[in-house]
Protein backbone atom coordinates (compact mmCIF):
# COMPACT_ATOMS: atom_id res chain seq x y z
CA MET A 1 0.94 29.48 -21.24
CA ARG A 2 1.04 25.69 -21.04
CA THR A 3 -0.80 25.29 -24.34
CA HIS A 4 1.51 27.75 -26.08
CA ARG A 5 4.52 25.69 -24.92
CA LEU A 6 2.82 22.65 -26.41
CA ILE A 7 2.52 24.37 -29.80
CA ALA A 8 6.31 24.30 -30.24
CA PRO A 9 6.67 20.51 -30.69
CA ILE A 10 3.50 20.35 -32.79
CA ALA A 11 4.60 23.16 -35.08
CA PHE A 12 8.11 21.71 -35.27
CA ALA A 13 6.71 18.33 -36.31
CA LEU A 14 4.60 19.97 -39.01
CA VAL A 15 7.59 21.95 -40.28
CA CYS A 16 9.62 18.73 -40.51
CA LEU A 17 6.77 17.07 -42.39
CA ALA A 18 6.60 20.04 -44.74
CA ALA A 19 10.34 19.81 -45.40
CA ALA A 20 9.99 16.10 -46.10
CA ALA A 21 7.15 16.85 -48.51
CA GLY A 22 9.50 19.04 -50.53
CA ALA A 23 7.69 20.79 -53.33
CA GLN A 24 4.25 19.66 -52.13
CA THR A 25 3.39 23.15 -50.86
CA ALA A 26 -0.33 22.46 -51.19
CA LYS A 27 -0.20 19.57 -48.73
CA VAL A 28 -3.01 19.46 -46.18
CA TYR A 29 -1.84 18.23 -42.80
CA ARG A 30 -4.05 16.06 -40.66
CA ILE A 31 -3.74 16.02 -36.86
CA GLY A 32 -5.37 13.27 -34.86
CA PHE A 33 -6.51 14.00 -31.30
CA VAL A 34 -7.23 11.13 -28.92
CA ALA A 35 -8.24 11.30 -25.26
CA SER A 36 -9.43 9.01 -22.49
CA GLY A 37 -12.48 11.23 -22.03
CA ASN A 38 -14.39 12.94 -24.81
CA TYR A 39 -14.36 15.98 -27.07
CA THR A 40 -17.76 17.37 -26.21
CA GLN A 41 -18.07 21.14 -26.22
CA GLY A 42 -16.59 22.61 -23.05
CA SER A 43 -14.66 19.49 -22.05
CA ALA A 44 -11.00 19.86 -21.07
CA SER A 45 -9.87 17.86 -24.11
CA GLN A 46 -11.96 19.98 -26.49
CA ASN A 47 -10.71 23.21 -24.95
CA PHE A 48 -7.14 22.04 -25.41
CA ALA A 49 -7.78 21.03 -29.02
CA ASP A 50 -9.51 24.34 -29.80
CA THR A 51 -6.61 26.32 -28.38
CA ILE A 52 -4.06 24.27 -30.28
CA VAL A 53 -5.93 24.74 -33.56
CA ARG A 54 -6.32 28.48 -32.94
CA VAL A 55 -2.62 29.02 -32.18
CA LEU A 56 -1.56 26.83 -35.10
CA GLY A 57 -3.69 29.08 -37.30
CA GLN A 58 -1.54 31.99 -36.15
CA ARG A 59 1.49 29.99 -37.30
CA GLY A 60 0.12 29.50 -40.80
CA TYR A 61 -1.66 26.16 -40.36
CA VAL A 62 -5.30 27.12 -40.93
CA LEU A 63 -8.15 24.71 -40.29
CA GLY A 64 -10.01 23.99 -43.51
CA THR A 65 -7.16 25.31 -45.67
CA ASN A 66 -3.98 23.36 -45.03
CA LEU A 67 -5.02 21.70 -41.77
CA GLN A 68 -7.59 19.07 -40.89
CA ILE A 69 -8.27 17.42 -37.54
CA GLU A 70 -9.64 14.06 -36.45
CA GLN A 71 -10.87 13.59 -32.88
CA ARG A 72 -11.48 10.38 -30.96
CA GLY A 73 -12.59 10.07 -27.33
CA ALA A 74 -12.79 6.81 -25.34
CA GLU A 75 -15.49 8.06 -22.93
CA MET A 76 -13.32 6.72 -20.06
CA GLN A 77 -13.48 3.22 -21.53
CA TYR A 78 -9.75 2.65 -21.84
CA GLU A 79 -10.14 -0.64 -23.68
CA ARG A 80 -11.40 1.38 -26.66
CA LEU A 81 -8.20 3.40 -27.02
CA PRO A 82 -6.24 0.95 -29.24
CA ALA A 83 -9.10 0.84 -31.76
CA LEU A 84 -9.47 4.63 -31.70
CA VAL A 85 -5.75 5.11 -32.35
CA ALA A 86 -5.98 2.56 -35.16
CA GLU A 87 -8.80 4.63 -36.69
CA LEU A 88 -6.60 7.71 -36.65
CA LEU A 89 -3.73 5.85 -38.29
CA ALA A 90 -6.12 4.50 -40.92
CA ARG A 91 -7.06 8.12 -41.64
CA LYS A 92 -3.37 8.75 -42.43
CA VAL A 93 -2.87 11.42 -39.78
CA ASP A 94 0.49 13.19 -39.86
CA LEU A 95 0.57 13.71 -36.11
CA ILE A 96 -1.21 12.36 -33.02
CA VAL A 97 -1.91 14.52 -29.94
CA THR A 98 -2.85 12.48 -26.87
CA ASN A 99 -4.50 13.70 -23.67
CA SER A 100 -3.84 11.36 -20.68
CA TYR A 101 -1.35 8.60 -20.00
CA PRO A 102 -3.59 5.74 -21.24
CA ALA A 103 -4.06 7.52 -24.57
CA ALA A 104 -0.32 8.16 -24.87
CA ALA A 105 0.49 4.53 -24.06
CA ALA A 106 -2.01 3.29 -26.64
CA ALA A 107 -0.53 5.57 -29.31
CA LYS A 108 3.01 4.48 -28.47
CA ARG A 109 2.07 0.81 -28.82
CA ALA A 110 0.33 1.48 -32.14
CA THR A 111 3.04 3.36 -34.04
CA SER A 112 6.76 4.05 -33.95
CA THR A 113 6.75 6.31 -37.01
CA VAL A 114 3.89 8.83 -36.70
CA PRO A 115 4.93 11.70 -34.35
CA ILE A 116 3.10 11.70 -31.00
CA VAL A 117 2.69 14.79 -28.80
CA ILE A 118 1.59 13.99 -25.25
CA ILE A 119 -0.46 16.08 -22.80
CA GLY A 120 -1.44 15.19 -19.23
CA ALA A 121 0.55 11.96 -19.19
CA GLY A 122 2.45 12.66 -15.98
CA ASP A 123 6.20 12.06 -15.91
CA PRO A 124 6.92 10.36 -19.27
CA VAL A 125 10.25 8.97 -18.01
CA LYS A 126 8.82 7.30 -14.90
CA THR A 127 5.90 5.94 -16.93
CA SER A 128 8.38 4.61 -19.54
CA LEU A 129 6.88 6.59 -22.40
CA VAL A 130 10.33 8.01 -23.22
CA ALA A 131 13.91 7.12 -22.33
CA SER A 132 14.80 10.51 -20.87
CA LEU A 133 13.79 14.15 -21.10
CA ALA A 134 17.10 15.17 -22.65
CA ARG A 135 17.03 12.37 -25.23
CA PRO A 136 13.49 10.98 -25.41
CA GLY A 137 14.22 8.99 -28.56
CA GLY A 138 11.51 7.39 -30.65
CA ASN A 139 8.58 9.41 -31.95
CA ILE A 140 7.22 10.97 -28.71
CA THR A 141 7.51 14.55 -27.51
CA GLY A 142 5.27 16.95 -25.57
CA LEU A 143 4.84 18.04 -21.97
CA SER A 144 6.22 16.48 -18.81
CA ASP A 145 4.39 17.63 -15.70
CA VAL A 146 5.50 17.56 -12.08
CA ALA A 147 2.08 16.73 -10.65
CA ALA A 148 3.49 13.79 -8.67
CA GLU A 149 6.03 16.09 -6.99
CA LEU A 150 3.40 18.75 -6.35
CA ALA A 151 0.80 16.36 -4.91
CA PRO A 152 2.39 16.00 -1.45
CA LYS A 153 3.14 19.73 -1.37
CA ARG A 154 -0.52 20.48 -1.99
CA LEU A 155 -1.42 18.08 0.81
CA GLY A 156 1.01 19.94 3.07
CA LEU A 157 -0.62 23.26 2.22
CA LEU A 158 -4.01 21.76 2.98
CA ARG A 159 -2.72 20.59 6.36
CA GLU A 160 -1.40 24.08 7.10
CA ALA A 161 -4.80 25.56 6.26
CA VAL A 162 -6.61 22.92 8.36
CA PRO A 163 -4.29 21.91 11.25
CA THR A 164 -6.83 19.37 12.56
CA LEU A 165 -6.87 17.51 9.22
CA ARG A 166 -6.61 13.75 9.74
CA ARG A 167 -8.32 12.08 6.79
CA VAL A 168 -8.40 13.05 3.12
CA ALA A 169 -10.49 11.40 0.41
CA MET A 170 -8.56 11.04 -2.85
CA LEU A 171 -10.18 9.74 -6.02
CA TRP A 172 -8.09 8.48 -8.89
CA ASN A 173 -8.31 5.95 -11.69
CA ALA A 174 -6.05 2.98 -10.97
CA SER A 175 -5.94 2.19 -14.70
CA ASP A 176 -4.14 5.50 -15.32
CA LEU A 177 -0.48 5.12 -14.34
CA GLY A 178 0.02 8.90 -14.30
CA MET A 179 -2.82 9.30 -11.77
CA THR A 180 -1.61 6.34 -9.73
CA MET A 181 1.86 7.86 -9.40
CA ARG A 182 0.32 11.09 -8.13
CA TYR A 183 -1.69 9.15 -5.57
CA ARG A 184 1.35 7.19 -4.38
CA ALA A 185 3.30 10.42 -3.95
CA SER A 186 0.40 11.86 -1.96
CA GLU A 187 0.17 8.70 0.15
CA THR A 188 3.87 8.95 1.04
CA GLY A 189 3.49 12.63 1.91
CA ALA A 190 0.37 11.87 3.94
CA LYS A 191 2.27 9.45 6.19
CA ALA A 192 4.86 12.10 6.99
CA LEU A 193 2.08 14.53 7.87
CA GLY A 194 0.13 12.05 9.93
CA VAL A 195 -2.81 12.17 7.53
CA SER A 196 -4.72 9.07 6.43
CA VAL A 197 -5.73 8.50 2.82
CA GLY A 198 -5.59 4.70 2.56
CA LYS A 199 -8.74 3.70 4.47
CA VAL A 200 -10.86 6.32 2.71
CA ASN A 201 -9.79 5.12 -0.73
CA TYR A 202 -10.14 1.47 0.21
CA CYS A 203 -13.75 2.04 1.28
CA LEU A 204 -14.58 4.24 -1.71
CA ARG A 205 -13.32 1.59 -4.12
CA ALA A 206 -15.36 -1.02 -2.29
CA LEU A 207 -18.50 1.11 -2.53
CA ILE A 208 -17.96 1.63 -6.25
CA GLN A 209 -17.33 -2.08 -6.85
CA LYS A 210 -20.46 -2.93 -4.87
CA GLY A 211 -22.48 -0.57 -7.05
CA LEU A 212 -23.50 1.71 -4.20
CA LEU A 213 -21.50 4.48 -5.87
CA LYS A 214 -21.77 4.53 -9.66
CA MET A 215 -19.36 7.37 -10.34
CA ARG A 216 -18.18 6.11 -13.72
CA ASN A 217 -21.73 5.66 -15.00
CA PHE A 218 -22.66 9.16 -13.90
CA ARG A 219 -19.56 10.69 -15.49
CA ASN A 220 -20.15 8.89 -18.81
CA SER A 221 -23.89 9.47 -18.91
CA LYS A 222 -25.14 11.94 -21.49
CA ASN A 223 -28.41 12.25 -19.58
CA LYS A 224 -27.39 13.21 -16.07
CA ARG A 225 -30.96 14.27 -15.30
CA ALA A 226 -31.77 10.57 -15.13
CA TYR A 227 -29.75 10.44 -11.91
CA THR A 228 -32.17 12.70 -10.06
CA TYR A 229 -33.85 9.76 -8.40
CA VAL A 230 -37.15 10.33 -6.62
CA LEU A 231 -37.20 8.14 -3.50
CA THR A 232 -39.69 7.91 -0.71
CA PRO A 233 -38.37 8.85 2.76
CA ARG A 234 -38.49 5.17 3.70
CA GLY A 235 -36.63 4.15 0.56
CA MET A 236 -33.94 6.77 1.15
CA GLU A 237 -33.51 5.58 4.74
CA GLU A 238 -33.19 1.96 3.66
CA LYS A 239 -30.63 2.78 0.98
CA LEU A 240 -28.63 4.78 3.49
CA ASN A 241 -28.72 1.94 6.02
CA VAL A 242 -27.52 -0.57 3.44
CA THR A 243 -24.67 1.72 2.47
CA LEU A 244 -23.67 2.37 6.10
CA ARG A 245 -23.68 -1.34 6.94
CA PHE A 246 -21.52 -2.15 3.93
CA LEU A 247 -19.17 0.74 4.65
CA ARG A 248 -18.83 -0.31 8.31
CA ARG A 249 -17.99 -3.86 7.27
CA LYS A 250 -15.34 -2.65 4.84
CA MET A 251 -13.78 -0.39 7.45
CA GLU A 252 -13.59 -3.35 9.84
CA GLU A 253 -12.07 -5.44 7.07
CA TYR A 254 -9.46 -2.78 6.39
CA THR A 255 -8.57 -2.57 10.08
CA ALA A 256 -8.28 -6.38 10.30
CA LEU A 257 -6.02 -6.47 7.25
CA SER A 258 -3.81 -3.73 8.66
CA THR A 259 -3.53 -5.61 11.98
CA GLU A 260 -2.63 -8.84 10.18
CA ILE A 261 0.04 -7.11 8.10
CA GLU A 262 1.58 -5.61 11.24
CA ARG A 263 1.58 -9.04 12.92
CA LEU A 264 3.28 -10.66 9.93
CA ASN A 265 5.89 -7.90 9.85
CA ARG A 266 6.65 -8.49 13.53
CA GLU A 267 6.98 -12.22 12.90
CA LEU A 268 9.38 -11.62 10.02
CA VAL A 269 11.52 -9.32 12.15
CA SER A 270 11.44 -11.78 15.05
CA ASN A 271 12.32 -14.76 12.82
CA GLY A 272 15.15 -12.82 11.27
CA ARG A 273 16.61 -12.07 14.68
CA SER A 274 16.20 -15.68 15.83
CA GLU A 275 18.06 -16.98 12.81
CA THR A 276 20.83 -14.46 13.39
CA ASP A 277 21.11 -15.40 17.08
CA SER A 278 21.26 -19.13 16.30
CA THR A 279 23.92 -18.85 13.57
CA PRO A 280 27.15 -20.55 14.81
CA ALA A 281 30.18 -18.34 15.13
CA GLY A 282 32.27 -18.36 11.97
CA ALA A 283 29.47 -19.77 9.86
CA SER A 284 29.04 -18.12 6.45
């Protein structure tokens, strides 16, 4: 259903382009797809693209006849997105379909004339991709999702299912503003529920930065069999001990930081009261 709703702005853009082309009825339209991930067979981005192409074919835009597609995937290396969008523009695409906020932001920065249809970019108003939903302006249209609003509700449902829930591990990419907004919404909801997410994420990020967890490398690897390490029992024990010591140190660091922040907050409140108490009557 979601993909069929997305077809409307894409088809509308193609119809407008056809009208602008006038008598050029034999025009072949080129759609550029760009994503933060990749377009390998079975990937979410490829599935989306395949569905879009199939439904467009039902609307009269047939791949290989009057429709061509160009696909570019950044393999989760966001710094590549500007160059990939530039490649699509150099190919004279009539329309760009982005999958993720970083891809949408890169496309927006690259062109103000080629129509852009966004998918999976979160709330486009809060991320400043468009001015408003009613009047987006510019050259961007597509889907606005409510994932940030749903995130705390999902956490609430999880708490109902597991009443003893106290800590939840949440993984997100801090370079993706759409994901970050969903995490922040979850963090706010977690506080109201008495559930902790901060310490878990702090420690996970530390483990990744230290190299003890190489999640990005695993996700981007085309040879995941290479990750089936064969370790001796002693080697596995040593690696586990190193990880536990590092994790324990980071947890202590997090607790110390939290204590220091609380102390500073108390000082600020206390200083504010002292200044108020010492202000002479009638002073402005």
